[in-house]
N, C-alpha and C. Protein backbone atom coordinates (compact mmCIF):
# COMPACT_ATOMS: atom_id res chain seq x y z
N MET A 1 6.05 -37.25 -50.29
CA MET A 1 7.24 -37.90 -50.82
C MET A 1 7.74 -36.61 -51.45
N ALA A 2 9.25 -36.78 -51.36
CA ALA A 2 9.93 -35.78 -51.86
C ALA A 2 11.00 -37.00 -52.64
N ILE A 3 11.44 -35.93 -53.92
CA ILE A 3 12.92 -36.69 -54.67
C ILE A 3 13.99 -36.29 -54.11
N THR A 4 14.91 -37.31 -53.69
CA THR A 4 16.16 -36.73 -53.36
C THR A 4 17.19 -36.84 -53.73
N ARG A 5 18.46 -36.10 -53.91
CA ARG A 5 19.58 -36.52 -54.71
C ARG A 5 20.03 -37.53 -55.00
N ASP A 6 20.38 -38.08 -53.68
CA ASP A 6 20.23 -40.02 -54.33
C ASP A 6 19.67 -40.57 -55.48
N GLN A 7 18.36 -40.52 -54.78
CA GLN A 7 17.26 -41.02 -55.82
C GLN A 7 17.20 -40.42 -57.76
N THR A 8 17.72 -39.10 -57.68
CA THR A 8 17.54 -38.33 -58.79
C THR A 8 18.76 -39.82 -59.27
N LEU A 9 20.39 -39.62 -58.91
CA LEU A 9 21.45 -40.37 -59.05
C LEU A 9 20.97 -41.72 -59.57
N ASP A 10 20.13 -42.32 -59.20
CA ASP A 10 19.64 -44.09 -59.08
C ASP A 10 18.72 -43.89 -60.15
N TRP A 11 17.68 -42.50 -60.54
CA TRP A 11 17.25 -42.68 -62.21
C TRP A 11 18.31 -42.22 -63.00
N MET A 12 19.46 -41.58 -63.14
CA MET A 12 20.04 -41.39 -63.73
C MET A 12 20.80 -42.54 -64.56
N ARG A 13 21.05 -43.70 -63.35
CA ARG A 13 21.76 -44.59 -63.61
C ARG A 13 20.89 -45.86 -64.35
N ARG A 14 19.53 -45.74 -63.68
CA ARG A 14 18.75 -46.62 -64.65
C ARG A 14 18.16 -46.32 -65.86
N PHE A 15 18.44 -45.19 -66.21
CA PHE A 15 18.18 -44.70 -67.33
C PHE A 15 19.73 -45.35 -68.50
N ALA A 16 20.35 -44.92 -68.22
CA ALA A 16 22.10 -45.09 -67.92
C ALA A 16 21.95 -46.89 -68.74
N GLY A 17 21.02 -47.44 -67.89
CA GLY A 17 21.27 -48.69 -67.79
C GLY A 17 20.17 -49.25 -68.97
N GLU A 18 19.58 -48.61 -69.24
CA GLU A 18 18.02 -48.96 -70.58
C GLU A 18 18.63 -48.52 -71.61
N MET A 19 19.66 -47.20 -71.86
CA MET A 19 20.39 -47.08 -73.32
C MET A 19 21.38 -48.20 -73.53
N ALA A 20 22.04 -49.15 -72.47
CA ALA A 20 22.83 -49.94 -72.91
C ALA A 20 22.14 -51.20 -73.19
N GLU A 21 20.94 -51.20 -72.39
CA GLU A 21 19.76 -52.19 -72.92
C GLU A 21 19.68 -52.56 -73.99
N HIS A 22 18.55 -51.67 -74.27
CA HIS A 22 17.93 -51.42 -75.66
C HIS A 22 19.12 -50.50 -77.17
N ARG A 23 20.18 -50.26 -76.54
CA ARG A 23 20.85 -49.94 -77.34
C ARG A 23 20.52 -50.55 -79.04
N GLN A 24 21.04 -51.45 -79.13
CA GLN A 24 20.42 -52.26 -80.57
C GLN A 24 19.22 -52.01 -80.84
N GLU A 25 18.14 -52.25 -80.03
CA GLU A 25 16.93 -51.70 -80.52
C GLU A 25 16.73 -50.27 -80.74
N LEU A 26 17.08 -49.21 -80.03
CA LEU A 26 17.11 -47.73 -80.61
C LEU A 26 18.20 -47.99 -82.27
N VAL A 27 19.00 -48.69 -82.22
CA VAL A 27 19.84 -48.18 -83.20
C VAL A 27 18.88 -49.19 -84.62
N ALA A 28 18.31 -50.16 -84.48
CA ALA A 28 17.72 -50.40 -85.67
C ALA A 28 16.04 -49.85 -85.54
N LEU A 29 15.48 -48.77 -85.04
CA LEU A 29 14.60 -47.75 -84.93
C LEU A 29 15.03 -47.02 -85.99
N ASP A 30 16.27 -46.33 -85.15
CA ASP A 30 17.03 -45.08 -86.14
C ASP A 30 17.34 -45.83 -87.40
N THR A 31 18.18 -46.77 -87.54
CA THR A 31 18.63 -47.35 -88.89
C THR A 31 17.39 -47.20 -89.77
N ALA A 32 16.33 -47.55 -90.19
CA ALA A 32 15.27 -47.00 -90.62
C ALA A 32 14.55 -46.13 -91.16
N ILE A 33 14.63 -45.19 -90.11
CA ILE A 33 14.26 -44.03 -90.55
C ILE A 33 15.34 -42.26 -90.26
N GLY A 34 16.32 -42.59 -89.87
CA GLY A 34 17.60 -41.82 -89.95
C GLY A 34 19.11 -42.32 -90.05
N ASP A 35 19.76 -42.11 -88.88
CA ASP A 35 21.40 -41.76 -88.80
C ASP A 35 21.75 -43.30 -88.69
N GLY A 36 20.49 -44.48 -87.73
CA GLY A 36 21.49 -45.11 -87.25
C GLY A 36 21.95 -45.51 -85.95
N ASP A 37 21.96 -43.95 -85.40
CA ASP A 37 22.67 -44.15 -84.49
C ASP A 37 22.51 -43.76 -83.28
N HIS A 38 21.20 -43.42 -83.56
CA HIS A 38 20.97 -43.46 -81.74
C HIS A 38 20.78 -44.12 -80.53
N GLY A 39 20.76 -45.22 -80.96
CA GLY A 39 21.07 -46.35 -79.82
C GLY A 39 22.57 -46.68 -79.00
N THR A 40 23.39 -45.72 -80.23
CA THR A 40 25.09 -46.12 -79.54
C THR A 40 25.60 -44.44 -79.09
N ASN A 41 24.99 -43.81 -79.87
CA ASN A 41 25.16 -42.54 -78.87
C ASN A 41 24.55 -41.95 -78.01
N MET A 42 23.21 -42.42 -77.24
CA MET A 42 22.55 -42.64 -76.21
C MET A 42 23.56 -43.12 -74.98
N ASN A 43 24.00 -44.56 -75.53
CA ASN A 43 24.60 -45.04 -75.12
C ASN A 43 26.31 -44.66 -74.49
N ARG A 44 26.46 -43.94 -75.42
CA ARG A 44 27.89 -43.46 -75.36
C ARG A 44 27.53 -41.70 -73.93
N GLY A 45 26.89 -41.50 -74.45
CA GLY A 45 26.47 -40.02 -73.82
C GLY A 45 26.30 -40.68 -72.17
N MET A 46 25.47 -41.63 -71.90
CA MET A 46 25.16 -41.99 -70.66
C MET A 46 25.96 -42.76 -70.10
N THR A 47 26.74 -43.80 -70.58
CA THR A 47 27.98 -44.07 -69.77
C THR A 47 28.96 -42.85 -69.43
N LYS A 48 29.32 -41.70 -70.54
CA LYS A 48 30.05 -40.68 -69.87
C LYS A 48 28.90 -39.92 -68.65
N ALA A 49 27.99 -39.52 -68.90
CA ALA A 49 27.40 -39.24 -67.94
C ALA A 49 27.83 -39.51 -66.32
N LEU A 50 27.87 -41.11 -66.34
CA LEU A 50 28.00 -41.82 -65.03
C LEU A 50 29.45 -41.55 -64.95
N GLU A 51 30.06 -41.63 -65.46
CA GLU A 51 31.53 -40.75 -65.26
C GLU A 51 31.97 -39.98 -64.27
N LYS A 52 30.99 -38.81 -65.26
CA LYS A 52 31.21 -37.36 -64.30
C LYS A 52 30.57 -37.61 -62.90
N LEU A 53 29.61 -38.74 -63.11
CA LEU A 53 28.58 -38.06 -61.80
C LEU A 53 29.33 -38.90 -60.48
N ASP A 54 30.10 -40.02 -60.75
CA ASP A 54 30.71 -40.58 -60.12
C ASP A 54 31.79 -39.97 -59.83
N GLY A 55 32.67 -38.90 -60.49
CA GLY A 55 34.25 -38.66 -60.64
C GLY A 55 33.87 -37.23 -59.26
N ALA A 56 32.79 -36.69 -59.20
CA ALA A 56 32.00 -35.09 -58.73
C ALA A 56 31.19 -35.69 -57.99
N GLU A 57 31.15 -34.84 -56.80
CA GLU A 57 30.09 -34.77 -55.85
C GLU A 57 28.90 -33.98 -56.24
N GLN A 58 27.69 -34.33 -56.59
CA GLN A 58 26.57 -33.20 -56.85
C GLN A 58 25.62 -33.34 -55.77
N ALA A 59 25.58 -31.57 -55.60
CA ALA A 59 24.54 -31.32 -53.89
C ALA A 59 23.53 -31.53 -54.25
N ALA A 60 22.83 -31.51 -54.70
CA ALA A 60 21.45 -31.70 -55.19
C ALA A 60 20.15 -32.43 -56.12
N SER A 61 19.63 -32.56 -56.88
CA SER A 61 19.20 -33.11 -58.24
C SER A 61 19.28 -32.61 -58.94
N GLY A 62 19.41 -30.53 -58.70
CA GLY A 62 19.75 -30.28 -60.36
C GLY A 62 21.10 -30.36 -60.11
N ALA A 63 21.77 -30.30 -59.16
CA ALA A 63 22.83 -30.15 -60.09
C ALA A 63 23.08 -31.61 -60.68
N VAL A 64 22.98 -33.08 -59.74
CA VAL A 64 23.18 -33.85 -60.52
C VAL A 64 22.23 -33.93 -62.43
N LEU A 65 21.22 -33.55 -62.72
CA LEU A 65 20.49 -33.27 -63.91
C LEU A 65 21.38 -32.20 -64.68
N LYS A 66 22.01 -31.43 -64.08
CA LYS A 66 22.71 -30.45 -64.72
C LYS A 66 24.22 -31.18 -65.42
N THR A 67 24.79 -31.83 -64.77
CA THR A 67 26.39 -32.69 -65.00
C THR A 67 25.63 -33.50 -65.98
N VAL A 68 24.79 -34.22 -65.66
CA VAL A 68 24.33 -35.57 -66.90
C VAL A 68 23.89 -34.32 -68.31
N ALA A 69 23.10 -33.21 -68.38
CA ALA A 69 23.10 -32.45 -69.69
C ALA A 69 24.46 -31.82 -69.96
N MET A 70 25.71 -31.43 -69.10
CA MET A 70 27.06 -30.85 -69.96
C MET A 70 27.44 -32.33 -70.71
N ALA A 71 27.21 -33.46 -69.92
CA ALA A 71 28.58 -34.50 -70.47
C ALA A 71 27.06 -35.44 -71.34
N LEU A 72 25.91 -35.28 -71.84
CA LEU A 72 25.62 -35.54 -72.98
C LEU A 72 25.64 -34.36 -74.06
N VAL A 73 26.02 -33.16 -73.76
CA VAL A 73 26.21 -31.92 -75.62
C VAL A 73 27.58 -32.35 -75.54
N SER A 74 28.59 -32.46 -74.52
CA SER A 74 30.11 -32.68 -74.58
C SER A 74 30.29 -34.23 -76.01
N SER A 75 29.96 -35.36 -75.65
CA SER A 75 30.11 -36.02 -76.08
C SER A 75 29.15 -37.15 -77.04
N VAL A 76 28.00 -36.33 -77.08
CA VAL A 76 26.88 -36.98 -78.27
C VAL A 76 26.70 -36.36 -79.64
N GLY A 77 26.68 -37.09 -80.48
CA GLY A 77 26.74 -36.67 -81.63
C GLY A 77 24.97 -36.43 -82.11
N GLY A 78 24.86 -35.86 -83.70
CA GLY A 78 23.74 -35.81 -83.89
C GLY A 78 22.68 -34.84 -83.41
N ALA A 79 20.97 -35.50 -83.34
CA ALA A 79 19.78 -34.56 -82.44
C ALA A 79 20.26 -34.52 -81.25
N ALA A 80 20.64 -35.86 -81.01
CA ALA A 80 19.96 -36.59 -79.90
C ALA A 80 20.87 -35.70 -78.70
N GLY A 81 22.45 -35.32 -79.05
CA GLY A 81 23.43 -34.05 -77.51
C GLY A 81 22.45 -33.03 -77.63
N PRO A 82 22.11 -31.84 -78.58
CA PRO A 82 21.15 -30.68 -77.96
C PRO A 82 20.29 -30.98 -77.65
N LEU A 83 19.58 -31.81 -77.59
CA LEU A 83 17.94 -32.23 -77.46
C LEU A 83 18.02 -32.77 -75.81
N TYR A 84 18.46 -33.93 -75.51
CA TYR A 84 18.15 -34.24 -74.44
C TYR A 84 19.49 -33.37 -73.33
N GLY A 85 20.80 -32.61 -73.89
CA GLY A 85 21.55 -31.93 -73.13
C GLY A 85 20.26 -31.09 -72.70
N THR A 86 19.61 -30.06 -73.09
CA THR A 86 18.68 -29.40 -73.22
C THR A 86 17.63 -29.96 -72.35
N LEU A 87 17.14 -31.04 -72.19
CA LEU A 87 15.73 -31.16 -71.68
C LEU A 87 15.66 -31.31 -69.91
N PHE A 88 17.81 -31.77 -69.57
CA PHE A 88 18.07 -32.22 -68.45
C PHE A 88 18.80 -30.90 -67.81
N LEU A 89 19.33 -29.91 -68.58
CA LEU A 89 19.67 -28.86 -68.93
C LEU A 89 18.34 -28.08 -67.93
N GLN A 90 17.64 -27.74 -68.60
CA GLN A 90 16.48 -27.38 -68.28
C GLN A 90 15.68 -27.34 -67.02
N MET A 91 15.84 -29.00 -66.78
CA MET A 91 15.27 -29.66 -65.57
C MET A 91 16.33 -29.37 -64.80
N GLY A 92 17.55 -28.97 -64.89
CA GLY A 92 18.76 -28.71 -63.40
C GLY A 92 17.83 -27.85 -62.96
N THR A 93 18.09 -26.53 -64.05
CA THR A 93 18.50 -25.58 -63.57
C THR A 93 16.89 -24.93 -62.97
N ALA A 94 15.72 -25.48 -63.53
CA ALA A 94 14.37 -24.95 -62.65
C ALA A 94 15.25 -26.05 -61.27
N LEU A 95 15.43 -27.07 -61.31
CA LEU A 95 15.79 -27.70 -59.51
C LEU A 95 16.11 -26.68 -59.08
N THR A 96 17.59 -25.98 -59.18
CA THR A 96 18.82 -25.76 -58.73
C THR A 96 18.20 -24.79 -57.85
N GLY A 97 18.60 -25.35 -56.37
CA GLY A 97 18.55 -24.90 -54.75
C GLY A 97 17.49 -25.88 -54.00
N VAL A 98 16.39 -26.35 -55.00
CA VAL A 98 15.64 -27.01 -54.42
C VAL A 98 16.13 -28.62 -53.79
N GLN A 99 15.70 -28.52 -52.14
CA GLN A 99 16.77 -30.12 -51.49
C GLN A 99 15.68 -31.02 -51.98
N GLU A 100 14.60 -30.78 -51.30
CA GLU A 100 13.67 -32.12 -51.81
C GLU A 100 12.60 -31.54 -52.54
N VAL A 101 12.63 -32.25 -53.77
CA VAL A 101 11.61 -32.50 -55.00
C VAL A 101 10.46 -32.60 -54.99
N GLY A 102 9.36 -32.23 -54.80
CA GLY A 102 7.97 -32.79 -54.63
C GLY A 102 7.26 -31.98 -56.02
N LEU A 103 6.12 -32.78 -56.04
CA LEU A 103 5.58 -32.62 -57.16
C LEU A 103 5.48 -31.98 -57.99
N SER A 104 5.33 -30.83 -57.44
CA SER A 104 4.79 -29.96 -58.19
C SER A 104 6.32 -29.13 -59.05
N ALA A 105 6.96 -28.92 -57.90
CA ALA A 105 8.59 -28.63 -58.65
C ALA A 105 8.94 -29.60 -59.88
N TYR A 106 8.80 -30.75 -59.45
CA TYR A 106 9.27 -32.05 -60.45
C TYR A 106 8.53 -31.65 -61.70
N ALA A 107 7.29 -31.45 -61.98
CA ALA A 107 6.12 -31.37 -62.57
C ALA A 107 7.00 -30.21 -63.82
N THR A 108 7.01 -29.37 -63.16
CA THR A 108 7.35 -28.04 -63.14
C THR A 108 8.90 -27.77 -63.77
N ALA A 109 9.64 -28.93 -63.00
CA ALA A 109 10.79 -28.79 -64.00
C ALA A 109 10.70 -29.99 -65.27
N TRP A 110 9.55 -30.30 -65.21
CA TRP A 110 9.50 -31.19 -67.23
C TRP A 110 9.09 -30.00 -68.43
N ARG A 111 8.10 -29.57 -67.49
CA ARG A 111 6.95 -28.70 -67.96
C ARG A 111 8.45 -27.61 -69.03
N LYS A 112 9.75 -27.08 -68.05
CA LYS A 112 10.48 -26.38 -69.05
C LYS A 112 11.65 -26.94 -69.41
N ALA A 113 11.56 -28.71 -69.21
CA ALA A 113 12.32 -29.10 -70.26
C ALA A 113 11.69 -29.64 -71.73
N LEU A 114 10.40 -29.90 -71.80
CA LEU A 114 9.68 -29.28 -72.84
C LEU A 114 9.60 -28.90 -73.09
N GLN A 115 9.70 -27.20 -72.86
CA GLN A 115 9.78 -26.30 -73.86
C GLN A 115 10.95 -25.89 -74.45
N GLY A 116 12.12 -26.47 -73.75
CA GLY A 116 13.68 -26.15 -74.35
C GLY A 116 13.88 -27.08 -75.20
N VAL A 117 13.13 -28.48 -75.22
CA VAL A 117 13.11 -29.61 -76.42
C VAL A 117 12.58 -28.58 -77.63
N GLN A 118 11.50 -28.51 -77.41
CA GLN A 118 10.54 -28.07 -78.22
C GLN A 118 11.09 -26.32 -78.92
N ALA A 119 11.32 -25.39 -78.19
CA ALA A 119 12.53 -24.67 -78.91
C ALA A 119 14.03 -24.71 -79.43
N ARG A 120 14.60 -25.97 -79.19
CA ARG A 120 15.39 -26.36 -79.96
C ARG A 120 15.48 -27.20 -81.09
N GLY A 121 14.57 -28.13 -80.87
CA GLY A 121 14.05 -28.09 -82.17
C GLY A 121 13.05 -28.31 -83.51
N LYS A 122 12.38 -27.14 -82.70
CA LYS A 122 11.22 -26.77 -83.52
C LYS A 122 9.65 -27.87 -83.63
N ALA A 123 10.17 -28.89 -82.42
CA ALA A 123 9.18 -30.18 -83.01
C ALA A 123 8.05 -29.95 -82.55
N GLU A 124 6.39 -30.45 -82.92
CA GLU A 124 4.94 -30.02 -83.11
C GLU A 124 4.54 -30.91 -82.70
N PRO A 125 3.39 -30.92 -81.68
CA PRO A 125 3.01 -32.56 -81.25
C PRO A 125 2.30 -33.23 -82.99
N GLY A 126 2.70 -34.46 -83.33
CA GLY A 126 2.38 -35.37 -84.34
C GLY A 126 3.15 -35.12 -85.39
N ASP A 127 5.14 -34.98 -85.67
CA ASP A 127 5.82 -34.61 -86.36
C ASP A 127 6.78 -35.78 -86.14
N LYS A 128 6.51 -36.33 -85.54
CA LYS A 128 7.08 -38.34 -85.38
C LYS A 128 8.73 -37.82 -84.75
N THR A 129 8.18 -37.22 -83.23
CA THR A 129 9.60 -36.86 -82.73
C THR A 129 9.40 -37.16 -80.91
N MET A 130 10.86 -37.50 -80.15
CA MET A 130 10.57 -37.26 -78.82
C MET A 130 9.52 -36.95 -77.95
N VAL A 131 8.70 -35.04 -78.61
CA VAL A 131 8.16 -34.53 -78.33
C VAL A 131 6.72 -35.06 -78.48
N ASP A 132 6.20 -35.92 -78.65
CA ASP A 132 5.11 -37.17 -79.33
C ASP A 132 5.47 -37.85 -78.08
N ALA A 133 5.85 -38.16 -77.28
CA ALA A 133 6.00 -39.10 -75.82
C ALA A 133 6.49 -37.82 -74.51
N LEU A 134 6.96 -36.59 -74.80
CA LEU A 134 7.72 -36.08 -73.59
C LEU A 134 5.90 -35.16 -73.60
N ILE A 135 4.82 -34.97 -74.18
CA ILE A 135 4.28 -34.22 -73.70
C ILE A 135 2.93 -34.62 -73.29
N PRO A 136 2.48 -35.78 -74.05
CA PRO A 136 1.63 -36.36 -72.76
C PRO A 136 2.26 -36.67 -71.21
N ALA A 137 3.43 -36.99 -71.09
CA ALA A 137 3.79 -37.47 -70.18
C ALA A 137 3.85 -36.10 -68.99
N VAL A 138 4.14 -35.31 -69.49
CA VAL A 138 4.47 -34.23 -68.75
C VAL A 138 2.81 -33.52 -68.49
N GLU A 139 1.94 -33.74 -69.30
CA GLU A 139 0.75 -33.93 -68.93
C GLU A 139 0.35 -34.55 -68.03
N ALA A 140 0.50 -35.78 -67.79
CA ALA A 140 0.22 -36.63 -67.13
C ALA A 140 0.56 -35.68 -65.84
N LEU A 141 2.03 -35.79 -65.32
CA LEU A 141 2.34 -35.66 -64.57
C LEU A 141 1.44 -34.09 -63.51
N GLU A 142 1.64 -33.09 -64.76
CA GLU A 142 1.06 -32.30 -64.29
C GLU A 142 -0.46 -32.01 -63.94
N SER A 143 -1.37 -32.95 -64.33
CA SER A 143 -2.66 -33.67 -63.56
C SER A 143 -2.36 -34.47 -62.69
N ALA A 144 -1.43 -34.92 -62.46
CA ALA A 144 -1.77 -36.23 -61.01
C ALA A 144 -1.56 -35.35 -59.82
N SER A 145 -1.86 -36.00 -58.99
CA SER A 145 -2.85 -35.73 -57.24
C SER A 145 -1.89 -35.71 -56.80
N ASP A 146 -1.03 -36.49 -56.80
CA ASP A 146 0.56 -37.30 -55.87
C ASP A 146 1.47 -38.20 -56.73
N LEU A 147 2.91 -37.52 -55.85
CA LEU A 147 4.46 -38.01 -56.97
C LEU A 147 4.15 -39.38 -57.45
N ASN A 148 3.54 -40.34 -56.40
CA ASN A 148 3.84 -41.48 -57.10
C ASN A 148 2.51 -42.11 -58.53
N GLY A 149 1.45 -41.87 -58.32
CA GLY A 149 0.65 -41.66 -59.14
C GLY A 149 1.00 -40.60 -60.42
N GLY A 150 2.19 -39.64 -60.21
CA GLY A 150 2.04 -38.83 -61.51
C GLY A 150 3.41 -39.30 -62.52
N LEU A 151 4.22 -40.17 -61.40
CA LEU A 151 5.08 -40.36 -62.17
C LEU A 151 4.61 -42.06 -62.95
N ARG A 152 3.75 -43.00 -62.47
CA ARG A 152 3.52 -43.93 -63.04
C ARG A 152 2.46 -43.88 -64.40
N ALA A 153 1.93 -42.54 -64.09
CA ALA A 153 1.21 -42.36 -65.21
C ALA A 153 1.65 -41.78 -66.27
N ALA A 154 3.05 -40.76 -66.07
CA ALA A 154 3.61 -40.14 -66.55
C ALA A 154 4.09 -41.19 -67.92
N ALA A 155 4.99 -42.33 -66.99
CA ALA A 155 5.25 -43.28 -67.88
C ALA A 155 4.44 -44.26 -68.72
N GLN A 156 3.64 -44.19 -68.34
CA GLN A 156 2.50 -44.95 -69.09
C GLN A 156 2.21 -43.83 -69.99
N ALA A 157 1.87 -42.31 -70.18
CA ALA A 157 1.77 -41.48 -70.95
C ALA A 157 2.40 -41.68 -72.20
N ALA A 158 3.82 -41.71 -71.70
CA ALA A 158 5.10 -41.05 -72.59
C ALA A 158 5.14 -42.89 -73.40
N GLU A 159 4.63 -43.92 -72.80
CA GLU A 159 4.59 -45.41 -73.84
C GLU A 159 3.75 -45.11 -74.70
N GLU A 160 2.28 -44.24 -74.36
CA GLU A 160 1.59 -44.70 -75.48
C GLU A 160 1.53 -43.54 -76.33
N GLY A 161 2.26 -42.26 -75.85
CA GLY A 161 2.90 -41.90 -77.18
C GLY A 161 3.76 -42.22 -77.56
N MET A 162 4.50 -42.86 -77.65
CA MET A 162 5.48 -43.74 -77.89
C MET A 162 5.03 -44.29 -79.21
N LYS A 163 4.26 -44.89 -78.90
CA LYS A 163 3.18 -46.14 -80.11
C LYS A 163 2.69 -44.93 -81.04
N ALA A 164 2.22 -44.33 -80.65
CA ALA A 164 1.37 -43.46 -81.26
C ALA A 164 2.07 -42.80 -82.58
N THR A 165 3.58 -43.07 -82.70
CA THR A 165 4.13 -42.68 -83.35
C THR A 165 4.38 -43.06 -84.66
N THR A 166 4.15 -44.65 -84.31
CA THR A 166 4.51 -45.41 -85.56
C THR A 166 3.55 -45.24 -86.84
N PRO A 167 2.56 -44.77 -86.71
CA PRO A 167 1.60 -44.59 -88.45
C PRO A 167 1.75 -42.85 -88.75
N LEU A 168 2.95 -42.13 -88.29
CA LEU A 168 2.81 -40.59 -88.42
C LEU A 168 4.04 -40.65 -89.43
N ILE A 169 3.67 -39.85 -90.35
CA ILE A 169 4.78 -39.50 -91.55
C ILE A 169 5.57 -38.21 -90.48
N ALA A 170 7.27 -38.48 -90.69
CA ALA A 170 7.97 -37.72 -89.60
C ALA A 170 7.61 -35.75 -90.53
N ARG A 171 7.91 -35.13 -90.07
CA ARG A 171 7.96 -33.66 -90.59
C ARG A 171 9.22 -32.85 -89.86
N LYS A 172 9.76 -33.65 -89.25
CA LYS A 172 10.83 -32.93 -88.52
C LYS A 172 12.75 -34.18 -88.64
N GLY A 173 13.79 -33.25 -88.82
CA GLY A 173 14.82 -34.31 -89.05
C GLY A 173 15.28 -34.88 -90.04
N ARG A 174 16.26 -36.06 -90.23
CA ARG A 174 16.64 -37.15 -90.71
C ARG A 174 15.24 -37.72 -91.32
N ALA A 175 14.21 -38.32 -90.71
CA ALA A 175 13.16 -38.39 -91.48
C ALA A 175 12.17 -38.31 -92.08
N SER A 176 11.93 -37.28 -91.86
CA SER A 176 11.12 -36.00 -92.74
C SER A 176 11.60 -35.96 -94.26
N TYR A 177 12.81 -36.67 -93.96
CA TYR A 177 13.40 -36.72 -95.80
C TYR A 177 12.61 -37.99 -96.60
N LEU A 178 11.73 -38.86 -95.28
CA LEU A 178 11.44 -40.20 -96.14
C LEU A 178 9.68 -39.67 -96.70
N GLY A 179 9.21 -38.69 -96.20
CA GLY A 179 7.67 -38.73 -96.51
C GLY A 179 6.82 -39.65 -95.99
N GLU A 180 6.67 -40.40 -97.06
CA GLU A 180 5.54 -41.54 -96.95
C GLU A 180 6.16 -42.28 -96.25
N ARG A 181 7.69 -42.95 -96.62
CA ARG A 181 8.22 -44.12 -96.01
C ARG A 181 8.57 -44.12 -94.54
N SER A 182 8.48 -42.22 -93.92
CA SER A 182 8.90 -43.24 -92.42
C SER A 182 6.81 -43.76 -91.96
N LYS A 183 6.30 -43.77 -92.32
CA LYS A 183 5.20 -44.48 -91.84
C LYS A 183 5.46 -45.75 -91.41
N ASP A 184 5.19 -46.30 -90.46
CA ASP A 184 4.96 -47.42 -89.83
C ASP A 184 6.42 -47.77 -88.93
N HIS A 185 7.26 -46.93 -88.46
CA HIS A 185 8.27 -47.01 -87.61
C HIS A 185 7.82 -46.29 -86.47
N GLN A 186 8.22 -46.72 -85.42
CA GLN A 186 7.83 -46.40 -84.42
C GLN A 186 9.38 -45.29 -84.05
N ASP A 187 9.09 -44.07 -83.89
CA ASP A 187 10.27 -43.09 -83.33
C ASP A 187 11.83 -43.53 -82.43
N PRO A 188 12.51 -43.44 -82.58
CA PRO A 188 13.65 -43.73 -82.06
C PRO A 188 13.95 -42.59 -81.13
N GLY A 189 13.79 -41.46 -80.54
CA GLY A 189 14.13 -40.36 -79.36
C GLY A 189 12.36 -40.73 -78.76
N ALA A 190 10.81 -40.77 -78.94
CA ALA A 190 10.45 -41.01 -78.58
C ALA A 190 10.51 -42.00 -77.84
N THR A 191 11.20 -43.46 -78.56
CA THR A 191 11.48 -44.93 -77.76
C THR A 191 12.08 -44.12 -76.44
N SER A 192 13.16 -43.30 -76.80
CA SER A 192 14.14 -43.35 -75.31
C SER A 192 13.69 -42.33 -74.33
N THR A 193 12.82 -41.33 -75.03
CA THR A 193 11.94 -40.95 -74.22
C THR A 193 11.04 -41.38 -72.95
N TYR A 194 10.96 -42.64 -73.82
CA TYR A 194 9.31 -43.78 -72.71
C TYR A 194 10.83 -44.81 -72.09
N TYR A 195 12.19 -44.25 -72.10
CA TYR A 195 12.87 -45.02 -71.53
C TYR A 195 13.23 -44.54 -70.16
N LEU A 196 12.97 -42.96 -70.22
CA LEU A 196 13.87 -42.12 -69.28
C LEU A 196 12.43 -41.96 -68.61
N PHE A 197 11.21 -41.91 -68.53
CA PHE A 197 10.03 -42.17 -67.61
C PHE A 197 9.78 -43.61 -66.68
N LYS A 198 10.27 -44.53 -67.77
CA LYS A 198 10.35 -45.47 -67.18
C LYS A 198 11.04 -45.91 -65.97
N SER A 199 12.14 -45.43 -66.19
CA SER A 199 13.40 -44.94 -65.01
C SER A 199 12.94 -44.47 -64.38
N ALA A 200 12.14 -43.12 -64.51
CA ALA A 200 12.06 -42.54 -63.45
C ALA A 200 11.00 -42.62 -62.37
N ALA A 201 10.27 -43.96 -63.00
CA ALA A 201 8.93 -44.11 -62.09
C ALA A 201 9.94 -45.25 -61.57
N GLU A 202 10.56 -45.93 -62.10
CA GLU A 202 11.80 -47.07 -60.92
C GLU A 202 11.91 -46.78 -59.88
N ALA A 203 12.64 -45.52 -60.70
CA ALA A 203 13.52 -44.92 -59.46
C ALA A 203 13.51 -44.10 -58.14
N LEU A 204 12.12 -42.95 -58.94
CA LEU A 204 11.40 -42.28 -57.73
C LEU A 204 10.63 -42.75 -56.92
N ALA A 205 9.23 -43.68 -57.68
CA ALA A 205 8.01 -43.49 -56.85
C ALA A 205 8.10 -44.90 -55.05
N ASP A 206 7.47 -44.81 -54.60
CA ASP A 206 7.57 -45.75 -53.60
C ASP A 206 7.48 -47.21 -53.98
């Protein structure tokens, strides 16, 4: 099986829906250890992304993801805009010219996305950031034998990575200023990353 452009559009719509539905949850998580705007920013950015997607025809999955990247960079403040913009731009670039996206191409695109996010945010595993959900999810995709199984395994791995941020002391971003007080709070960026993989499994798996 392969991922089509229409499925990628469905994925982005589902992710936008998750950001709208969980906006207050993400705001609460970010209020505890950050600026308190992650949910608002992501909801606004994905709403703008859907407007852009509806307003122009994208030829393939890569073009869809690049459109989302540009919308996020131009409409989202804080760290989320540049980081998620980088994620989608790297994915979209990796998939440029690929009409039917199989497991190998999809996993490669996610690896590029992870590398881009780490280069942009300078975050390592255990820093209590979105990277803590991204890394296990990407590794689950890379070790999968089929796309369906990989999508579901990635969502599960992202959820586990998200939950594992709770006991960590933040070493990056605004949360790092809190030191020990950043413990016992789930990272908002890892949480939105989990919703990205959750919506991917729902939109792209059979």
